[in-house]
Amino acid sequence: MATILDSVTMTEIPRDPSCGGDLPYVTHEGKLDVGGFTFHVYQLNNGQRIIPCEEVEGFFSAMLEAQED
């Protein structure tokens, strides 16, 4: 998975100065296209990359529906 995410072109996004604290925050965003489905990929300030769970659920739901047809 890391190799796939390494291929995503990431764009730096500005940090909202009102966000504070010790929690990780998004520094970059990009898009990953897989079989006609687009995932938003976000990179945090700690280097971790994340994909919203709603998009992953939508992808697998579509895959299951396609198998049922």
PDB file of N, CA and C in Angstrom:
ATOM      1  N   MET A   1       0.817  -1.188   0.000  1.00  0.00           N
ATOM      2  CA  MET A   1       0.000   0.000   0.000  1.00  0.00           C
ATOM      3  C   MET A   1       0.864   1.256   0.000  1.00  0.00           C
ATOM      4  N   ALA A   2       1.976   1.214   0.729  1.00  0.00           N
ATOM      5  CA  ALA A   2       2.856   2.378   0.785  1.00  0.00           C
ATOM      6  C   ALA A   2       3.381   2.733  -0.598  1.00  0.00           C
ATOM      7  N   THR A   3       3.696   1.730  -1.412  1.00  0.00           N
ATOM      8  CA  THR A   3       4.197   1.989  -2.761  1.00  0.00           C
ATOM      9  C   THR A   3       3.136   2.683  -3.602  1.00  0.00           C
ATOM     10  N   ILE A   4       1.892   2.259  -3.460  1.00  0.00           N
ATOM     11  CA  ILE A   4       0.800   2.902  -4.209  1.00  0.00           C
ATOM     12  C   ILE A   4       0.638   4.343  -3.755  1.00  0.00           C
ATOM     13  N   LEU A   5       0.644   4.561  -2.450  1.00  0.00           N
ATOM     14  CA  LEU A   5       0.486   5.923  -1.943  1.00  0.00           C
ATOM     15  C   LEU A   5       1.676   6.806  -2.289  1.00  0.00           C
ATOM     16  N   ASP A   6       2.866   6.210  -2.434  1.00  0.00           N
ATOM     17  CA  ASP A   6       4.043   6.983  -2.850  1.00  0.00           C
ATOM     18  C   ASP A   6       3.871   7.557  -4.253  1.00  0.00           C
ATOM     19  N   SER A   7       3.029   6.922  -5.070  1.00  0.00           N
ATOM     20  CA  SER A   7       2.835   7.381  -6.451  1.00  0.00           C
ATOM     21  C   SER A   7       1.859   8.550  -6.555  1.00  0.00           C
ATOM     22  N   VAL A   8       1.155   8.880  -5.476  1.00  0.00           N
ATOM     23  CA  VAL A   8       0.171   9.962  -5.495  1.00  0.00           C
ATOM     24  C   VAL A   8       0.887  11.305  -5.478  1.00  0.00           C
ATOM     25  N   THR A   9       0.501  12.180  -6.403  1.00  0.00           N
ATOM     26  CA  THR A   9       1.040  13.534  -6.414  1.00  0.00           C
ATOM     27  C   THR A   9       0.348  14.330  -5.316  1.00  0.00           C
ATOM     28  N   MET A  10       1.134  14.778  -4.373  1.00  0.00           N
ATOM     29  CA  MET A  10       0.594  15.495  -3.221  1.00  0.00           C
ATOM     30  C   MET A  10       0.828  16.995  -3.377  1.00  0.00           C
ATOM     31  N   THR A  11      -0.173  17.768  -2.971  1.00  0.00           N
ATOM     32  CA  THR A  11      -0.101  19.220  -3.012  1.00  0.00           C
ATOM     33  C   THR A  11      -0.131  19.752  -1.590  1.00  0.00           C
ATOM     34  N   GLU A  12       0.811  20.616  -1.281  1.00  0.00           N
ATOM     35  CA  GLU A  12       0.848  21.192   0.062  1.00  0.00           C
ATOM     36  C   GLU A  12      -0.357  22.097   0.258  1.00  0.00           C
ATOM     37  N   ILE A  13      -0.941  22.035   1.432  1.00  0.00           N
ATOM     38  CA  ILE A  13      -2.067  22.908   1.742  1.00  0.00           C
ATOM     39  C   ILE A  13      -1.699  23.775   2.941  1.00  0.00           C
ATOM     40  N   PRO A  14      -2.211  25.001   2.964  1.00  0.00           N
ATOM     41  CA  PRO A  14      -1.863  25.889   4.076  1.00  0.00           C
ATOM     42  C   PRO A  14      -2.495  25.413   5.384  1.00  0.00           C
ATOM     43  N   ARG A  15      -1.807  25.656   6.457  1.00  0.00           N
ATOM     44  CA  ARG A  15      -2.312  25.280   7.779  1.00  0.00           C
ATOM     45  C   ARG A  15      -3.113  26.431   8.355  1.00  0.00           C
ATOM     46  N   ASP A  16      -4.250  26.096   8.906  1.00  0.00           N
ATOM     47  CA  ASP A  16      -5.091  27.084   9.579  1.00  0.00           C
ATOM     48  C   ASP A  16      -4.411  27.446  10.905  1.00  0.00           C
ATOM     49  N   PRO A  17      -3.994  28.710  11.056  1.00  0.00           N
ATOM     50  CA  PRO A  17      -3.264  29.088  12.272  1.00  0.00           C
ATOM     51  C   PRO A  17      -4.099  28.946  13.545  1.00  0.00           C
ATOM     52  N   SER A  18      -5.422  28.861  13.419  1.00  0.00           N
ATOM     53  CA  SER A  18      -6.263  28.721  14.609  1.00  0.00           C
ATOM     54  C   SER A  18      -6.244  27.295  15.155  1.00  0.00           C
ATOM     55  N   CYS A  19      -5.724  26.355  14.350  1.00  0.00           N
ATOM     56  CA  CYS A  19      -5.623  24.968  14.809  1.00  0.00           C
ATOM     57  C   CYS A  19      -4.387  24.845  15.685  1.00  0.00           C
ATOM     58  N   GLY A  20      -4.591  24.364  16.854  1.00  0.00           N
ATOM     59  CA  GLY A  20      -3.456  24.226  17.764  1.00  0.00           C
ATOM     60  C   GLY A  20      -3.470  22.865  18.415  1.00  0.00           C
ATOM     61  N   GLY A  21      -2.655  22.735  19.398  1.00  0.00           N
ATOM     62  CA  GLY A  21      -2.600  21.478  20.135  1.00  0.00           C
ATOM     63  C   GLY A  21      -1.568  20.529  19.573  1.00  0.00           C
ATOM     64  N   ASP A  22      -1.579  19.328  20.126  1.00  0.00           N
ATOM     65  CA  ASP A  22      -0.585  18.326  19.767  1.00  0.00           C
ATOM     66  C   ASP A  22      -1.108  17.296  18.772  1.00  0.00           C
ATOM     67  N   LEU A  23      -2.340  17.461  18.312  1.00  0.00           N
ATOM     68  CA  LEU A  23      -2.900  16.491  17.375  1.00  0.00           C
ATOM     69  C   LEU A  23      -2.270  16.636  15.996  1.00  0.00           C
ATOM     70  N   PRO A  24      -2.138  15.517  15.268  1.00  0.00           N
ATOM     71  CA  PRO A  24      -1.643  15.601  13.887  1.00  0.00           C
ATOM     72  C   PRO A  24      -2.600  16.431  13.031  1.00  0.00           C
ATOM     73  N   TYR A  25      -2.054  17.079  12.020  1.00  0.00           N
ATOM     74  CA  TYR A  25      -2.870  17.880  11.115  1.00  0.00           C
ATOM     75  C   TYR A  25      -2.436  17.623   9.679  1.00  0.00           C
ATOM     76  N   VAL A  26      -3.335  17.909   8.751  1.00  0.00           N
ATOM     77  CA  VAL A  26      -3.087  17.668   7.330  1.00  0.00           C
ATOM     78  C   VAL A  26      -2.136  18.718   6.772  1.00  0.00           C
ATOM     79  N   THR A  27      -1.111  18.246   6.047  1.00  0.00           N
ATOM     80  CA  THR A  27      -0.163  19.157   5.408  1.00  0.00           C
ATOM     81  C   THR A  27      -0.233  19.083   3.879  1.00  0.00           C
ATOM     82  N   HIS A  28      -0.689  17.931   3.349  1.00  0.00           N
ATOM     83  CA  HIS A  28      -0.739  17.715   1.905  1.00  0.00           C
ATOM     84  C   HIS A  28      -1.991  16.925   1.546  1.00  0.00           C
ATOM     85  N   GLU A  29      -2.445  17.100   0.314  1.00  0.00           N
ATOM     86  CA  GLU A  29      -3.568  16.314  -0.177  1.00  0.00           C
ATOM     87  C   GLU A  29      -3.303  15.888  -1.614  1.00  0.00           C
ATOM     88  N   GLY A  30      -3.937  14.793  -2.006  1.00  0.00           N
ATOM     89  CA  GLY A  30      -3.806  14.272  -3.362  1.00  0.00           C
ATOM     90  C   GLY A  30      -4.965  13.361  -3.679  1.00  0.00           C
ATOM     91  N   LYS A  31      -4.971  12.823  -4.890  1.00  0.00           N
ATOM     92  CA  LYS A  31      -6.040  11.921  -5.318  1.00  0.00           C
ATOM     93  C   LYS A  31      -5.426  10.662  -5.905  1.00  0.00           C
ATOM     94  N   LEU A  32      -6.059   9.536  -5.597  1.00  0.00           N
ATOM     95  CA  LEU A  32      -5.637   8.237  -6.090  1.00  0.00           C
ATOM     96  C   LEU A  32      -6.798   7.625  -6.856  1.00  0.00           C
ATOM     97  N   ASP A  33      -6.588   7.330  -8.143  1.00  0.00           N
ATOM     98  CA  ASP A  33      -7.623   6.718  -8.973  1.00  0.00           C
ATOM     99  C   ASP A  33      -7.377   5.220  -9.060  1.00  0.00           C
ATOM    100  N   VAL A  34      -8.413   4.452  -8.698  1.00  0.00           N
ATOM    101  CA  VAL A  34      -8.341   2.994  -8.738  1.00  0.00           C
ATOM    102  C   VAL A  34      -9.599   2.484  -9.430  1.00  0.00           C
ATOM    103  N   GLY A  35      -9.441   1.948 -10.613  1.00  0.00           N
ATOM    104  CA  GLY A  35     -10.574   1.345 -11.316  1.00  0.00           C
ATOM    105  C   GLY A  35     -11.768   2.266 -11.473  1.00  0.00           C
ATOM    106  N   GLY A  36     -11.533   3.523 -11.774  1.00  0.00           N
ATOM    107  CA  GLY A  36     -12.619   4.474 -11.962  1.00  0.00           C
ATOM    108  C   GLY A  36     -13.151   5.075 -10.670  1.00  0.00           C
ATOM    109  N   PHE A  37     -12.563   4.729  -9.571  1.00  0.00           N
ATOM    110  CA  PHE A  37     -12.975   5.266  -8.274  1.00  0.00           C
ATOM    111  C   PHE A  37     -11.850   6.164  -7.760  1.00  0.00           C
ATOM    112  N   THR A  38     -12.198   7.350  -7.265  1.00  0.00           N
ATOM    113  CA  THR A  38     -11.191   8.302  -6.789  1.00  0.00           C
ATOM    114  C   THR A  38     -11.190   8.368  -5.269  1.00  0.00           C
ATOM    115  N   PHE A  39     -10.013   8.174  -4.703  1.00  0.00           N
ATOM    116  CA  PHE A  39      -9.819   8.315  -3.263  1.00  0.00           C
ATOM    117  C   PHE A  39      -9.065   9.614  -3.004  1.00  0.00           C
ATOM    118  N   HIS A  40      -9.501  10.368  -2.004  1.00  0.00           N
ATOM    119  CA  HIS A  40      -8.722  11.514  -1.539  1.00  0.00           C
ATOM    120  C   HIS A  40      -7.696  10.982  -0.548  1.00  0.00           C
ATOM    121  N   VAL A  41      -6.461  11.400  -0.708  1.00  0.00           N
ATOM    122  CA  VAL A  41      -5.376  10.973   0.179  1.00  0.00           C
ATOM    123  C   VAL A  41      -4.855  12.215   0.890  1.00  0.00           C
ATOM    124  N   TYR A  42      -4.703  12.106   2.191  1.00  0.00           N
ATOM    125  CA  TYR A  42      -4.195  13.218   2.989  1.00  0.00           C
ATOM    126  C   TYR A  42      -2.945  12.779   3.720  1.00  0.00           C
ATOM    127  N   GLN A  43      -1.953  13.664   3.759  1.00  0.00           N
ATOM    128  CA  GLN A  43      -0.733  13.388   4.504  1.00  0.00           C
ATOM    129  C   GLN A  43      -0.711  14.284   5.729  1.00  0.00           C
ATOM    130  N   LEU A  44      -0.439  13.681   6.869  1.00  0.00           N
ATOM    131  CA  LEU A  44      -0.383  14.425   8.122  1.00  0.00           C
ATOM    132  C   LEU A  44       1.031  14.925   8.392  1.00  0.00           C
ATOM    133  N   ASN A  45       1.154  15.835   9.340  1.00  0.00           N
ATOM    134  CA  ASN A  45       2.458  16.406   9.670  1.00  0.00           C
ATOM    135  C   ASN A  45       3.421  15.372  10.243  1.00  0.00           C
ATOM    136  N   ASN A  46       2.908  14.217  10.658  1.00  0.00           N
ATOM    137  CA  ASN A  46       3.780  13.154  11.160  1.00  0.00           C
ATOM    138  C   ASN A  46       4.174  12.157  10.061  1.00  0.00           C
ATOM    139  N   GLY A  47       3.779  12.452   8.807  1.00  0.00           N
ATOM    140  CA  GLY A  47       4.131  11.607   7.669  1.00  0.00           C
ATOM    141  C   GLY A  47       3.099  10.544   7.342  1.00  0.00           C
ATOM    142  N   GLN A  48       2.165  10.288   8.240  1.00  0.00           N
ATOM    143  CA  GLN A  48       1.122   9.286   7.999  1.00  0.00           C
ATOM    144  C   GLN A  48       0.201   9.759   6.880  1.00  0.00           C
ATOM    145  N   ARG A  49      -0.192   8.810   6.011  1.00  0.00           N
ATOM    146  CA  ARG A  49      -1.141   9.124   4.944  1.00  0.00           C
ATOM    147  C   ARG A  49      -2.452   8.412   5.239  1.00  0.00           C
ATOM    148  N   ILE A  50      -3.542   9.120   5.031  1.00  0.00           N
ATOM    149  CA  ILE A  50      -4.851   8.565   5.355  1.00  0.00           C
ATOM    150  C   ILE A  50      -5.805   8.746   4.179  1.00  0.00           C
ATOM    151  N   ILE A  51      -6.786   7.840   4.116  1.00  0.00           N
ATOM    152  CA  ILE A  51      -7.871   7.901   3.133  1.00  0.00           C
ATOM    153  C   ILE A  51      -9.155   7.902   3.950  1.00  0.00           C
ATOM    154  N   PRO A  52     -10.098   8.810   3.668  1.00  0.00           N
ATOM    155  CA  PRO A  52     -11.342   8.847   4.440  1.00  0.00           C
ATOM    156  C   PRO A  52     -12.074   7.501   4.394  1.00  0.00           C
ATOM    157  N   CYS A  53     -12.553   7.058   5.547  1.00  0.00           N
ATOM    158  CA  CYS A  53     -13.201   5.744   5.640  1.00  0.00           C
ATOM    159  C   CYS A  53     -14.460   5.683   4.777  1.00  0.00           C
ATOM    160  N   GLU A  54     -15.159   6.796   4.603  1.00  0.00           N
ATOM    161  CA  GLU A  54     -16.367   6.800   3.769  1.00  0.00           C
ATOM    162  C   GLU A  54     -16.044   6.427   2.325  1.00  0.00           C
ATOM    163  N   GLU A  55     -14.887   6.852   1.843  1.00  0.00           N
ATOM    164  CA  GLU A  55     -14.498   6.536   0.472  1.00  0.00           C
ATOM    165  C   GLU A  55     -14.101   5.068   0.340  1.00  0.00           C
ATOM    166  N   VAL A  56     -13.435   4.531   1.343  1.00  0.00           N
ATOM    167  CA  VAL A  56     -13.072   3.112   1.333  1.00  0.00           C
ATOM    168  C   VAL A  56     -14.339   2.257   1.397  1.00  0.00           C
ATOM    169  N   GLU A  57     -15.278   2.628   2.266  1.00  0.00           N
ATOM    170  CA  GLU A  57     -16.548   1.905   2.368  1.00  0.00           C
ATOM    171  C   GLU A  57     -17.310   1.967   1.053  1.00  0.00           C
ATOM    172  N   GLY A  58     -17.342   3.146   0.436  1.00  0.00           N
ATOM    173  CA  GLY A  58     -18.028   3.294  -0.849  1.00  0.00           C
ATOM    174  C   GLY A  58     -17.412   2.415  -1.926  1.00  0.00           C
ATOM    175  N   PHE A  59     -16.104   2.321  -1.938  1.00  0.00           N
ATOM    176  CA  PHE A  59     -15.402   1.494  -2.910  1.00  0.00           C
ATOM    177  C   PHE A  59     -15.784   0.027  -2.746  1.00  0.00           C
ATOM    178  N   PHE A  60     -15.701  -0.466  -1.510  1.00  0.00           N
ATOM    179  CA  PHE A  60     -16.013  -1.877  -1.285  1.00  0.00           C
ATOM    180  C   PHE A  60     -17.498  -2.177  -1.475  1.00  0.00           C
ATOM    181  N   SER A  61     -18.355  -1.238  -1.144  1.00  0.00           N
ATOM    182  CA  SER A  61     -19.788  -1.427  -1.398  1.00  0.00           C
ATOM    183  C   SER A  61     -20.052  -1.556  -2.888  1.00  0.00           C
ATOM    184  N   ALA A  62     -19.408  -0.722  -3.687  1.00  0.00           N
ATOM    185  CA  ALA A  62     -19.568  -0.788  -5.143  1.00  0.00           C
ATOM    186  C   ALA A  62     -19.034  -2.115  -5.679  1.00  0.00           C
ATOM    187  N   MET A  63     -17.922  -2.588  -5.119  1.00  0.00           N
ATOM    188  CA  MET A  63     -17.357  -3.867  -5.549  1.00  0.00           C
ATOM    189  C   MET A  63     -18.312  -5.017  -5.235  1.00  0.00           C
ATOM    190  N   LEU A  64     -18.909  -4.995  -4.053  1.00  0.00           N
ATOM    191  CA  LEU A  64     -19.845  -6.045  -3.665  1.00  0.00           C
ATOM    192  C   LEU A  64     -21.097  -6.016  -4.527  1.00  0.00           C
ATOM    193  N   GLU A  65     -21.602  -4.826  -4.827  1.00  0.00           N
ATOM    194  CA  GLU A  65     -22.778  -4.693  -5.675  1.00  0.00           C
ATOM    195  C   GLU A  65     -22.493  -5.229  -7.074  1.00  0.00           C
ATOM    196  N   ALA A  66     -21.298  -4.959  -7.578  1.00  0.00           N
ATOM    197  CA  ALA A  66     -20.923  -5.437  -8.910  1.00  0.00           C
ATOM    198  C   ALA A  66     -20.859  -6.964  -8.942  1.00  0.00           C
ATOM    199  N   GLN A  67     -20.423  -7.573  -7.856  1.00  0.00           N
ATOM    200  CA  GLN A  67     -20.355  -9.038  -7.789  1.00  0.00           C
ATOM    201  C   GLN A  67     -21.749  -9.666  -7.732  1.00  0.00           C
ATOM    202  N   GLU A  68     -22.688  -8.941  -7.120  1.00  0.00           N
ATOM    203  CA  GLU A  68     -24.042  -9.462  -6.986  1.00  0.00           C
ATOM    204  C   GLU A  68     -24.826  -9.403  -8.295  1.00  0.00           C
ATOM    205  N   ASP A  69     -24.430  -8.529  -9.180  1.00  0.00           N
ATOM    206  CA  ASP A  69     -25.144  -8.375 -10.471  1.00  0.00           C
ATOM    207  C   ASP A  69     -24.815  -9.453 -11.451  1.00  0.00           C
TER     208      ASP A  69
END
